[in-house]
Amino acid sequence: MTVRPLILLPDRLLREVSKPVERVDDDVRKFADDMLETMYDAPGIGLAAIQVGEPRRMLVLDVSEKEEERDPRVFINPEVVASSDERNVHEEGCLSIPDYYAEVERPSDVTVKYIDLDGKEQTVEAGGILATCLQHEIDHLNGVLFIDYLSRLKRDMVVRKFKKLARENPPARMVG
């Protein structure tokens, strides 16, 4: 397994809509392992493929508590097929927007259809932090960031801050 570098705001790649995964094969399974390793290393509870520079409709997450055994989950081509009218507010953060947190309101419950690592279609009904995390990561696959739910003023402040940081600390470029 390999820890991959994270894509950070203001990288335009974060605004790209990811492409569906055509088939589940060993490459997809290895990539899922790399994503999980990267997420745990960060550390985070969710990661979309686009956050490591791959515009594939894949995400990983683990919302287990620190004292619980790890519960890694992989979602390929996830899609919210139903959501509740009831709403919840959770403080969210993002590995691509480090050290910034804000309260975001989302549906409290969602039903998500996806493909698992065996290539089988699955459905999960999620509430609480699992529902929030799934919605946050699926948003990434659609080029949407959690800061898009904030007021324009707050969002613009965050974007300006990260643009300034990027100018001061340009990312190292890989040669090869």
N, C-alpha and C. Protein backbone atom coordinates (compact mmCIF):
# COMPACT_ATOMS: atom_id res chain seq x y z
N MET A 1 0.84 -1.19 0.00
CA MET A 1 0.00 0.00 0.00
C MET A 1 0.88 1.25 0.00
N THR A 2 0.37 2.27 -0.64
CA THR A 2 1.13 3.50 -0.82
C THR A 2 0.32 4.70 -0.33
N VAL A 3 0.97 5.56 0.44
CA VAL A 3 0.34 6.82 0.82
C VAL A 3 0.53 7.78 -0.34
N ARG A 4 -0.57 8.29 -0.86
CA ARG A 4 -0.51 9.20 -2.01
C ARG A 4 -0.59 10.65 -1.55
N PRO A 5 0.01 11.57 -2.31
CA PRO A 5 -0.09 12.98 -1.94
C PRO A 5 -1.52 13.50 -2.13
N LEU A 6 -1.95 14.36 -1.21
CA LEU A 6 -3.29 14.93 -1.27
C LEU A 6 -3.30 16.19 -2.14
N ILE A 7 -4.37 16.35 -2.89
CA ILE A 7 -4.60 17.56 -3.67
C ILE A 7 -5.25 18.58 -2.73
N LEU A 8 -4.73 19.80 -2.69
CA LEU A 8 -5.24 20.82 -1.78
C LEU A 8 -5.88 21.97 -2.54
N LEU A 9 -6.85 22.61 -1.89
CA LEU A 9 -7.42 23.85 -2.39
C LEU A 9 -6.26 24.82 -2.57
N PRO A 10 -6.13 25.57 -3.64
CA PRO A 10 -7.13 25.87 -4.67
C PRO A 10 -6.99 25.04 -5.95
N ASP A 11 -6.37 23.86 -5.91
CA ASP A 11 -6.18 23.05 -7.11
C ASP A 11 -7.52 22.85 -7.84
N ARG A 12 -7.53 23.19 -9.12
CA ARG A 12 -8.76 23.12 -9.93
C ARG A 12 -9.28 21.70 -10.09
N LEU A 13 -8.41 20.72 -9.92
CA LEU A 13 -8.83 19.33 -10.04
C LEU A 13 -9.97 19.00 -9.06
N LEU A 14 -9.97 19.66 -7.91
CA LEU A 14 -11.03 19.42 -6.91
C LEU A 14 -12.41 19.79 -7.43
N ARG A 15 -12.48 20.58 -8.49
CA ARG A 15 -13.77 21.00 -9.06
C ARG A 15 -14.20 20.13 -10.24
N GLU A 16 -13.37 19.13 -10.58
CA GLU A 16 -13.71 18.24 -11.68
C GLU A 16 -14.76 17.22 -11.25
N VAL A 17 -15.63 16.85 -12.19
CA VAL A 17 -16.61 15.78 -11.95
C VAL A 17 -15.91 14.47 -12.31
N SER A 18 -15.92 13.54 -11.38
CA SER A 18 -15.22 12.26 -11.57
C SER A 18 -15.99 11.34 -12.51
N LYS A 19 -15.24 10.47 -13.19
CA LYS A 19 -15.81 9.53 -14.16
C LYS A 19 -16.14 8.21 -13.48
N PRO A 20 -17.22 7.55 -13.93
CA PRO A 20 -17.58 6.25 -13.35
C PRO A 20 -16.46 5.22 -13.54
N VAL A 21 -16.36 4.31 -12.60
CA VAL A 21 -15.43 3.18 -12.70
C VAL A 21 -16.13 2.15 -13.58
N GLU A 22 -15.45 1.74 -14.65
CA GLU A 22 -16.06 0.82 -15.62
C GLU A 22 -16.16 -0.61 -15.10
N ARG A 23 -15.10 -1.07 -14.43
CA ARG A 23 -15.15 -2.43 -13.89
C ARG A 23 -14.24 -2.51 -12.67
N VAL A 24 -14.59 -3.40 -11.77
CA VAL A 24 -13.78 -3.61 -10.57
C VAL A 24 -12.77 -4.71 -10.86
N ASP A 25 -11.48 -4.32 -10.80
CA ASP A 25 -10.41 -5.27 -11.06
C ASP A 25 -9.31 -5.07 -10.01
N ASP A 26 -8.19 -5.75 -10.20
CA ASP A 26 -7.10 -5.67 -9.22
C ASP A 26 -6.56 -4.25 -9.11
N ASP A 27 -6.53 -3.50 -10.22
CA ASP A 27 -6.07 -2.11 -10.19
C ASP A 27 -6.96 -1.27 -9.27
N VAL A 28 -8.27 -1.46 -9.39
CA VAL A 28 -9.22 -0.72 -8.55
C VAL A 28 -9.05 -1.11 -7.09
N ARG A 29 -8.87 -2.41 -6.83
CA ARG A 29 -8.69 -2.87 -5.44
C ARG A 29 -7.39 -2.33 -4.84
N LYS A 30 -6.30 -2.30 -5.62
CA LYS A 30 -5.04 -1.76 -5.12
C LYS A 30 -5.19 -0.26 -4.87
N PHE A 31 -5.86 0.43 -5.77
CA PHE A 31 -6.09 1.86 -5.60
C PHE A 31 -6.91 2.11 -4.33
N ALA A 32 -7.92 1.29 -4.07
CA ALA A 32 -8.72 1.41 -2.85
C ALA A 32 -7.83 1.24 -1.61
N ASP A 33 -6.91 0.27 -1.65
CA ASP A 33 -5.97 0.08 -0.53
C ASP A 33 -5.11 1.32 -0.33
N ASP A 34 -4.60 1.89 -1.44
CA ASP A 34 -3.79 3.11 -1.35
C ASP A 34 -4.61 4.26 -0.76
N MET A 35 -5.87 4.37 -1.18
CA MET A 35 -6.73 5.44 -0.66
C MET A 35 -6.94 5.28 0.84
N LEU A 36 -7.19 4.06 1.28
CA LEU A 36 -7.38 3.82 2.72
C LEU A 36 -6.10 4.16 3.48
N GLU A 37 -4.96 3.72 2.98
CA GLU A 37 -3.68 4.01 3.63
C GLU A 37 -3.47 5.53 3.73
N THR A 38 -3.80 6.24 2.66
CA THR A 38 -3.66 7.70 2.62
C THR A 38 -4.60 8.35 3.63
N MET A 39 -5.84 7.88 3.68
CA MET A 39 -6.84 8.43 4.61
C MET A 39 -6.40 8.22 6.06
N TYR A 40 -5.96 7.01 6.39
CA TYR A 40 -5.53 6.74 7.76
C TYR A 40 -4.28 7.55 8.12
N ASP A 41 -3.38 7.73 7.16
CA ASP A 41 -2.14 8.46 7.40
C ASP A 41 -2.41 9.94 7.66
N ALA A 42 -3.46 10.49 7.05
CA ALA A 42 -3.70 11.95 7.06
C ALA A 42 -3.82 12.59 8.45
N PRO A 43 -4.54 12.16 9.42
CA PRO A 43 -5.60 11.15 9.43
C PRO A 43 -6.96 11.77 9.13
N GLY A 44 -7.83 10.95 8.52
CA GLY A 44 -9.19 11.40 8.21
C GLY A 44 -10.16 10.26 8.34
N ILE A 45 -11.45 10.57 8.10
CA ILE A 45 -12.48 9.53 8.15
C ILE A 45 -13.09 9.25 6.79
N GLY A 46 -12.71 10.04 5.78
CA GLY A 46 -13.20 9.82 4.43
C GLY A 46 -12.25 10.41 3.41
N LEU A 47 -12.26 9.84 2.21
CA LEU A 47 -11.39 10.33 1.14
C LEU A 47 -12.01 9.94 -0.20
N ALA A 48 -12.11 10.91 -1.09
CA ALA A 48 -12.58 10.66 -2.45
C ALA A 48 -11.36 10.54 -3.36
N ALA A 49 -11.47 9.75 -4.41
CA ALA A 49 -10.35 9.51 -5.32
C ALA A 49 -9.78 10.81 -5.89
N ILE A 50 -10.63 11.76 -6.18
CA ILE A 50 -10.18 13.03 -6.76
C ILE A 50 -9.19 13.74 -5.83
N GLN A 51 -9.29 13.48 -4.53
CA GLN A 51 -8.40 14.14 -3.57
C GLN A 51 -6.96 13.64 -3.65
N VAL A 52 -6.75 12.52 -4.35
CA VAL A 52 -5.40 12.05 -4.61
C VAL A 52 -5.11 12.12 -6.11
N GLY A 53 -5.85 12.97 -6.80
CA GLY A 53 -5.57 13.26 -8.20
C GLY A 53 -6.17 12.31 -9.21
N GLU A 54 -7.07 11.44 -8.77
CA GLU A 54 -7.69 10.46 -9.68
C GLU A 54 -9.18 10.77 -9.82
N PRO A 55 -9.62 11.26 -10.98
CA PRO A 55 -11.04 11.59 -11.15
C PRO A 55 -11.91 10.35 -11.41
N ARG A 56 -11.85 9.40 -10.48
CA ARG A 56 -12.67 8.18 -10.53
C ARG A 56 -13.77 8.29 -9.48
N ARG A 57 -14.93 7.74 -9.76
CA ARG A 57 -16.05 7.79 -8.81
C ARG A 57 -15.84 6.69 -7.76
N MET A 58 -14.93 6.97 -6.83
CA MET A 58 -14.61 6.05 -5.74
C MET A 58 -14.38 6.84 -4.49
N LEU A 59 -14.77 6.27 -3.36
CA LEU A 59 -14.46 6.88 -2.07
C LEU A 59 -14.25 5.79 -1.04
N VAL A 60 -13.50 6.16 -0.02
CA VAL A 60 -13.28 5.26 1.11
C VAL A 60 -13.63 6.03 2.37
N LEU A 61 -14.02 5.28 3.40
CA LEU A 61 -14.27 5.91 4.68
C LEU A 61 -14.20 4.91 5.81
N ASP A 62 -14.03 5.45 6.98
CA ASP A 62 -14.03 4.66 8.20
C ASP A 62 -14.48 5.60 9.32
N VAL A 63 -15.72 5.45 9.74
CA VAL A 63 -16.27 6.34 10.77
C VAL A 63 -16.27 5.68 12.15
N SER A 64 -15.47 4.61 12.31
CA SER A 64 -15.38 3.97 13.62
C SER A 64 -14.72 4.93 14.61
N GLU A 65 -15.09 4.78 15.86
CA GLU A 65 -14.48 5.59 16.92
C GLU A 65 -13.04 5.13 17.15
N LYS A 66 -12.22 6.02 17.70
CA LYS A 66 -10.79 5.70 17.91
C LYS A 66 -10.57 4.43 18.71
N GLU A 67 -11.43 4.19 19.73
CA GLU A 67 -11.22 3.01 20.58
C GLU A 67 -11.82 1.74 19.97
N GLU A 68 -12.53 1.87 18.83
CA GLU A 68 -13.12 0.72 18.16
C GLU A 68 -12.14 0.15 17.13
N GLU A 69 -12.42 -1.08 16.72
CA GLU A 69 -11.64 -1.67 15.64
C GLU A 69 -11.93 -0.91 14.34
N ARG A 70 -10.91 -0.78 13.50
CA ARG A 70 -11.10 -0.10 12.21
C ARG A 70 -12.20 -0.79 11.40
N ASP A 71 -12.96 0.02 10.65
CA ASP A 71 -14.04 -0.49 9.81
C ASP A 71 -13.96 0.18 8.43
N PRO A 72 -12.90 -0.14 7.65
CA PRO A 72 -12.74 0.51 6.35
C PRO A 72 -13.82 0.07 5.37
N ARG A 73 -14.34 1.05 4.63
CA ARG A 73 -15.39 0.76 3.64
C ARG A 73 -15.04 1.44 2.33
N VAL A 74 -15.32 0.76 1.23
CA VAL A 74 -15.03 1.27 -0.12
C VAL A 74 -16.35 1.35 -0.89
N PHE A 75 -16.57 2.49 -1.52
CA PHE A 75 -17.77 2.73 -2.30
C PHE A 75 -17.36 3.11 -3.72
N ILE A 76 -17.78 2.31 -4.69
CA ILE A 76 -17.46 2.55 -6.10
C ILE A 76 -18.75 3.01 -6.79
N ASN A 77 -18.65 4.08 -7.56
CA ASN A 77 -19.80 4.68 -8.25
C ASN A 77 -20.97 4.93 -7.29
N PRO A 78 -20.72 5.53 -6.12
CA PRO A 78 -21.80 5.76 -5.16
C PRO A 78 -22.76 6.82 -5.66
N GLU A 79 -24.02 6.63 -5.28
CA GLU A 79 -25.07 7.56 -5.70
C GLU A 79 -26.12 7.64 -4.59
N VAL A 80 -26.45 8.86 -4.18
CA VAL A 80 -27.53 9.04 -3.21
C VAL A 80 -28.84 8.83 -3.96
N VAL A 81 -29.61 7.81 -3.54
CA VAL A 81 -30.88 7.52 -4.22
C VAL A 81 -32.08 8.01 -3.42
N ALA A 82 -31.87 8.33 -2.14
CA ALA A 82 -32.95 8.88 -1.32
C ALA A 82 -32.32 9.64 -0.16
N SER A 83 -33.00 10.70 0.28
CA SER A 83 -32.54 11.43 1.45
C SER A 83 -33.73 11.92 2.24
N SER A 84 -33.54 12.05 3.54
CA SER A 84 -34.64 12.45 4.43
C SER A 84 -34.89 13.94 4.34
N ASP A 85 -36.09 14.34 4.72
CA ASP A 85 -36.41 15.76 4.82
C ASP A 85 -35.78 16.34 6.09
N GLU A 86 -35.61 15.48 7.10
CA GLU A 86 -34.99 15.92 8.35
C GLU A 86 -33.54 16.27 8.08
N ARG A 87 -33.05 17.34 8.73
CA ARG A 87 -31.69 17.82 8.49
C ARG A 87 -30.89 17.76 9.78
N ASN A 88 -29.57 17.61 9.61
CA ASN A 88 -28.63 17.62 10.73
C ASN A 88 -27.52 18.61 10.41
N VAL A 89 -26.93 19.16 11.45
CA VAL A 89 -25.77 20.03 11.29
C VAL A 89 -24.59 19.34 11.95
N HIS A 90 -23.51 19.19 11.18
CA HIS A 90 -22.26 18.61 11.71
C HIS A 90 -21.13 19.56 11.37
N GLU A 91 -20.14 19.60 12.26
CA GLU A 91 -18.93 20.33 11.93
C GLU A 91 -18.11 19.45 10.99
N GLU A 92 -17.78 20.00 9.82
CA GLU A 92 -17.04 19.24 8.83
C GLU A 92 -15.67 19.86 8.60
N GLY A 93 -14.76 19.01 8.23
CA GLY A 93 -13.44 19.42 7.80
C GLY A 93 -13.12 18.62 6.55
N CYS A 94 -11.98 18.88 5.95
CA CYS A 94 -11.65 18.22 4.69
C CYS A 94 -10.14 18.10 4.58
N LEU A 95 -9.66 16.93 4.18
CA LEU A 95 -8.23 16.72 4.03
C LEU A 95 -7.64 17.63 2.94
N SER A 96 -8.47 18.08 2.00
CA SER A 96 -8.01 18.98 0.94
C SER A 96 -8.09 20.45 1.33
N ILE A 97 -8.66 20.72 2.50
CA ILE A 97 -8.73 22.08 3.05
C ILE A 97 -8.28 21.97 4.51
N PRO A 98 -6.99 21.70 4.73
CA PRO A 98 -6.52 21.37 6.08
C PRO A 98 -6.75 22.48 7.10
N ASP A 99 -7.08 22.03 8.30
CA ASP A 99 -7.22 22.92 9.46
C ASP A 99 -8.33 23.96 9.33
N TYR A 100 -9.33 23.68 8.51
CA TYR A 100 -10.50 24.57 8.44
C TYR A 100 -11.73 23.71 8.68
N TYR A 101 -12.58 24.17 9.58
CA TYR A 101 -13.79 23.44 9.95
C TYR A 101 -14.97 24.40 9.96
N ALA A 102 -16.14 23.89 9.59
CA ALA A 102 -17.35 24.71 9.61
C ALA A 102 -18.56 23.81 9.73
N GLU A 103 -19.61 24.37 10.30
CA GLU A 103 -20.86 23.62 10.42
C GLU A 103 -21.59 23.63 9.08
N VAL A 104 -22.04 22.43 8.68
CA VAL A 104 -22.74 22.26 7.41
C VAL A 104 -24.04 21.51 7.69
N GLU A 105 -25.12 21.98 7.09
CA GLU A 105 -26.41 21.33 7.22
C GLU A 105 -26.65 20.44 6.02
N ARG A 106 -27.02 19.18 6.29
CA ARG A 106 -27.29 18.19 5.25
C ARG A 106 -28.47 17.32 5.68
N PRO A 107 -29.05 16.55 4.76
CA PRO A 107 -30.07 15.58 5.17
C PRO A 107 -29.51 14.65 6.24
N SER A 108 -30.31 14.33 7.24
CA SER A 108 -29.81 13.51 8.35
C SER A 108 -29.67 12.04 7.97
N ASP A 109 -30.45 11.57 6.99
CA ASP A 109 -30.39 10.18 6.56
C ASP A 109 -30.35 10.12 5.04
N VAL A 110 -29.57 9.18 4.52
CA VAL A 110 -29.50 8.97 3.07
C VAL A 110 -29.46 7.49 2.76
N THR A 111 -29.92 7.16 1.57
CA THR A 111 -29.76 5.81 1.03
C THR A 111 -28.81 5.94 -0.15
N VAL A 112 -27.74 5.15 -0.11
CA VAL A 112 -26.71 5.22 -1.15
C VAL A 112 -26.58 3.85 -1.82
N LYS A 113 -26.63 3.90 -3.15
CA LYS A 113 -26.41 2.72 -3.97
C LYS A 113 -24.96 2.79 -4.46
N TYR A 114 -24.25 1.66 -4.44
CA TYR A 114 -22.85 1.64 -4.85
C TYR A 114 -22.44 0.24 -5.26
N ILE A 115 -21.21 0.12 -5.76
CA ILE A 115 -20.63 -1.18 -6.10
C ILE A 115 -19.51 -1.45 -5.11
N ASP A 116 -19.43 -2.69 -4.63
CA ASP A 116 -18.37 -3.04 -3.67
C ASP A 116 -17.14 -3.58 -4.41
N LEU A 117 -16.12 -3.95 -3.66
CA LEU A 117 -14.86 -4.41 -4.25
C LEU A 117 -14.98 -5.76 -4.96
N ASP A 118 -16.11 -6.46 -4.78
CA ASP A 118 -16.37 -7.70 -5.51
C ASP A 118 -17.16 -7.44 -6.78
N GLY A 119 -17.46 -6.15 -7.06
CA GLY A 119 -18.22 -5.80 -8.26
C GLY A 119 -19.72 -5.98 -8.10
N LYS A 120 -20.17 -6.16 -6.86
CA LYS A 120 -21.60 -6.38 -6.61
C LYS A 120 -22.27 -5.07 -6.20
N GLU A 121 -23.49 -4.86 -6.71
CA GLU A 121 -24.24 -3.67 -6.33
C GLU A 121 -24.77 -3.82 -4.91
N GLN A 122 -24.61 -2.76 -4.13
CA GLN A 122 -25.04 -2.75 -2.74
C GLN A 122 -25.86 -1.50 -2.47
N THR A 123 -26.59 -1.51 -1.38
CA THR A 123 -27.32 -0.33 -0.93
C THR A 123 -27.09 -0.22 0.57
N VAL A 124 -26.85 1.01 1.04
CA VAL A 124 -26.69 1.24 2.46
C VAL A 124 -27.61 2.39 2.86
N GLU A 125 -28.30 2.19 3.99
CA GLU A 125 -29.10 3.27 4.59
C GLU A 125 -28.27 3.82 5.72
N ALA A 126 -27.99 5.12 5.65
CA ALA A 126 -27.05 5.71 6.60
C ALA A 126 -27.66 6.89 7.32
N GLY A 127 -27.29 7.03 8.59
CA GLY A 127 -27.68 8.18 9.40
C GLY A 127 -26.44 8.68 10.13
N GLY A 128 -26.60 9.78 10.86
CA GLY A 128 -25.51 10.31 11.68
C GLY A 128 -24.27 10.65 10.88
N ILE A 129 -23.11 10.36 11.49
CA ILE A 129 -21.84 10.73 10.87
C ILE A 129 -21.60 9.96 9.57
N LEU A 130 -22.11 8.73 9.44
CA LEU A 130 -21.96 7.98 8.20
C LEU A 130 -22.68 8.70 7.05
N ALA A 131 -23.89 9.18 7.31
CA ALA A 131 -24.64 9.91 6.27
C ALA A 131 -23.91 11.19 5.88
N THR A 132 -23.40 11.91 6.88
CA THR A 132 -22.68 13.16 6.60
C THR A 132 -21.43 12.88 5.78
N CYS A 133 -20.66 11.87 6.19
CA CYS A 133 -19.41 11.54 5.50
C CYS A 133 -19.68 11.09 4.05
N LEU A 134 -20.68 10.25 3.86
CA LEU A 134 -21.01 9.81 2.50
C LEU A 134 -21.38 11.00 1.61
N GLN A 135 -22.21 11.90 2.13
CA GLN A 135 -22.62 13.06 1.34
C GLN A 135 -21.43 13.96 1.02
N HIS A 136 -20.56 14.16 2.01
CA HIS A 136 -19.36 14.99 1.83
C HIS A 136 -18.47 14.41 0.72
N GLU A 137 -18.22 13.11 0.78
CA GLU A 137 -17.32 12.47 -0.20
C GLU A 137 -17.96 12.36 -1.58
N ILE A 138 -19.26 12.08 -1.64
CA ILE A 138 -19.95 12.04 -2.94
C ILE A 138 -19.95 13.43 -3.56
N ASP A 139 -20.08 14.46 -2.74
CA ASP A 139 -19.96 15.83 -3.26
C ASP A 139 -18.62 16.01 -3.97
N HIS A 140 -17.53 15.50 -3.38
CA HIS A 140 -16.21 15.61 -4.00
C HIS A 140 -16.24 15.03 -5.42
N LEU A 141 -16.93 13.90 -5.58
CA LEU A 141 -16.98 13.24 -6.89
C LEU A 141 -17.71 14.09 -7.91
N ASN A 142 -18.50 15.05 -7.42
CA ASN A 142 -19.25 15.96 -8.29
C ASN A 142 -18.62 17.35 -8.36
N GLY A 143 -17.40 17.49 -7.83
CA GLY A 143 -16.71 18.77 -7.88
C GLY A 143 -17.21 19.79 -6.87
N VAL A 144 -17.89 19.31 -5.83
CA VAL A 144 -18.46 20.19 -4.81
C VAL A 144 -17.66 20.03 -3.52
N LEU A 145 -17.34 21.15 -2.88
CA LEU A 145 -16.61 21.13 -1.60
C LEU A 145 -17.54 21.58 -0.48
N PHE A 146 -17.23 21.16 0.75
CA PHE A 146 -18.11 21.53 1.86
C PHE A 146 -18.19 23.04 2.06
N ILE A 147 -17.16 23.76 1.65
CA ILE A 147 -17.21 25.23 1.79
C ILE A 147 -18.25 25.85 0.86
N ASP A 148 -18.73 25.09 -0.12
CA ASP A 148 -19.78 25.60 -1.02
C ASP A 148 -21.11 25.77 -0.29
N TYR A 149 -21.24 25.16 0.89
CA TYR A 149 -22.46 25.28 1.68
C TYR A 149 -22.42 26.49 2.62
N LEU A 150 -21.28 27.17 2.65
CA LEU A 150 -21.12 28.33 3.53
C LEU A 150 -21.57 29.60 2.81
N SER A 151 -21.65 30.68 3.55
CA SER A 151 -21.98 31.96 2.92
C SER A 151 -20.87 32.31 1.93
N ARG A 152 -21.21 33.11 0.95
CA ARG A 152 -20.22 33.50 -0.05
C ARG A 152 -19.02 34.19 0.60
N LEU A 153 -19.30 35.02 1.61
CA LEU A 153 -18.22 35.74 2.30
C LEU A 153 -17.23 34.76 2.94
N LYS A 154 -17.76 33.79 3.70
CA LYS A 154 -16.88 32.81 4.37
C LYS A 154 -16.12 31.97 3.34
N ARG A 155 -16.83 31.51 2.31
CA ARG A 155 -16.20 30.69 1.28
C ARG A 155 -15.07 31.46 0.60
N ASP A 156 -15.33 32.71 0.22
CA ASP A 156 -14.31 33.52 -0.45
C ASP A 156 -13.09 33.74 0.44
N MET A 157 -13.32 33.91 1.75
CA MET A 157 -12.20 34.09 2.69
C MET A 157 -11.31 32.84 2.72
N VAL A 158 -11.95 31.67 2.75
CA VAL A 158 -11.21 30.41 2.79
C VAL A 158 -10.42 30.23 1.49
N VAL A 159 -11.06 30.48 0.37
CA VAL A 159 -10.38 30.31 -0.93
C VAL A 159 -9.19 31.27 -1.04
N ARG A 160 -9.39 32.52 -0.64
CA ARG A 160 -8.28 33.50 -0.68
C ARG A 160 -7.11 33.03 0.19
N LYS A 161 -7.42 32.55 1.39
CA LYS A 161 -6.38 32.08 2.31
C LYS A 161 -5.57 30.96 1.66
N PHE A 162 -6.25 29.99 1.04
CA PHE A 162 -5.55 28.85 0.45
C PHE A 162 -4.82 29.23 -0.84
N LYS A 163 -5.33 30.20 -1.58
CA LYS A 163 -4.60 30.68 -2.76
C LYS A 163 -3.29 31.35 -2.32
N LYS A 164 -3.37 32.13 -1.24
CA LYS A 164 -2.18 32.79 -0.72
C LYS A 164 -1.16 31.75 -0.26
N LEU A 165 -1.62 30.74 0.49
CA LEU A 165 -0.72 29.68 0.96
C LEU A 165 -0.08 28.96 -0.22
N ALA A 166 -0.85 28.72 -1.28
CA ALA A 166 -0.32 28.03 -2.46
C ALA A 166 0.75 28.87 -3.16
N ARG A 167 0.55 30.19 -3.19
CA ARG A 167 1.57 31.07 -3.79
C ARG A 167 2.85 31.06 -2.97
N GLU A 168 2.69 31.06 -1.64
CA GLU A 168 3.85 31.10 -0.75
C GLU A 168 4.58 29.77 -0.69
N ASN A 169 3.83 28.68 -0.88
CA ASN A 169 4.41 27.32 -0.80
C ASN A 169 3.96 26.51 -2.00
N PRO A 170 4.51 26.79 -3.19
CA PRO A 170 4.07 26.03 -4.37
C PRO A 170 4.35 24.55 -4.20
N PRO A 171 3.41 23.69 -4.70
CA PRO A 171 3.63 22.26 -4.56
C PRO A 171 4.83 21.80 -5.37
N ALA A 172 5.54 20.85 -4.83
CA ALA A 172 6.68 20.27 -5.55
C ALA A 172 6.14 19.49 -6.74
N ARG A 173 6.78 19.61 -7.86
CA ARG A 173 6.36 18.90 -9.07
C ARG A 173 7.17 17.62 -9.23
N MET A 174 6.47 16.56 -9.57
CA MET A 174 7.14 15.28 -9.80
C MET A 174 7.73 15.29 -11.21
N VAL A 175 8.91 14.77 -11.36
CA VAL A 175 9.55 14.68 -12.66
C VAL A 175 9.64 13.19 -13.01
N GLY A 176 9.26 12.87 -14.25
CA GLY A 176 9.38 11.46 -14.60
C GLY A 176 8.53 11.07 -15.74
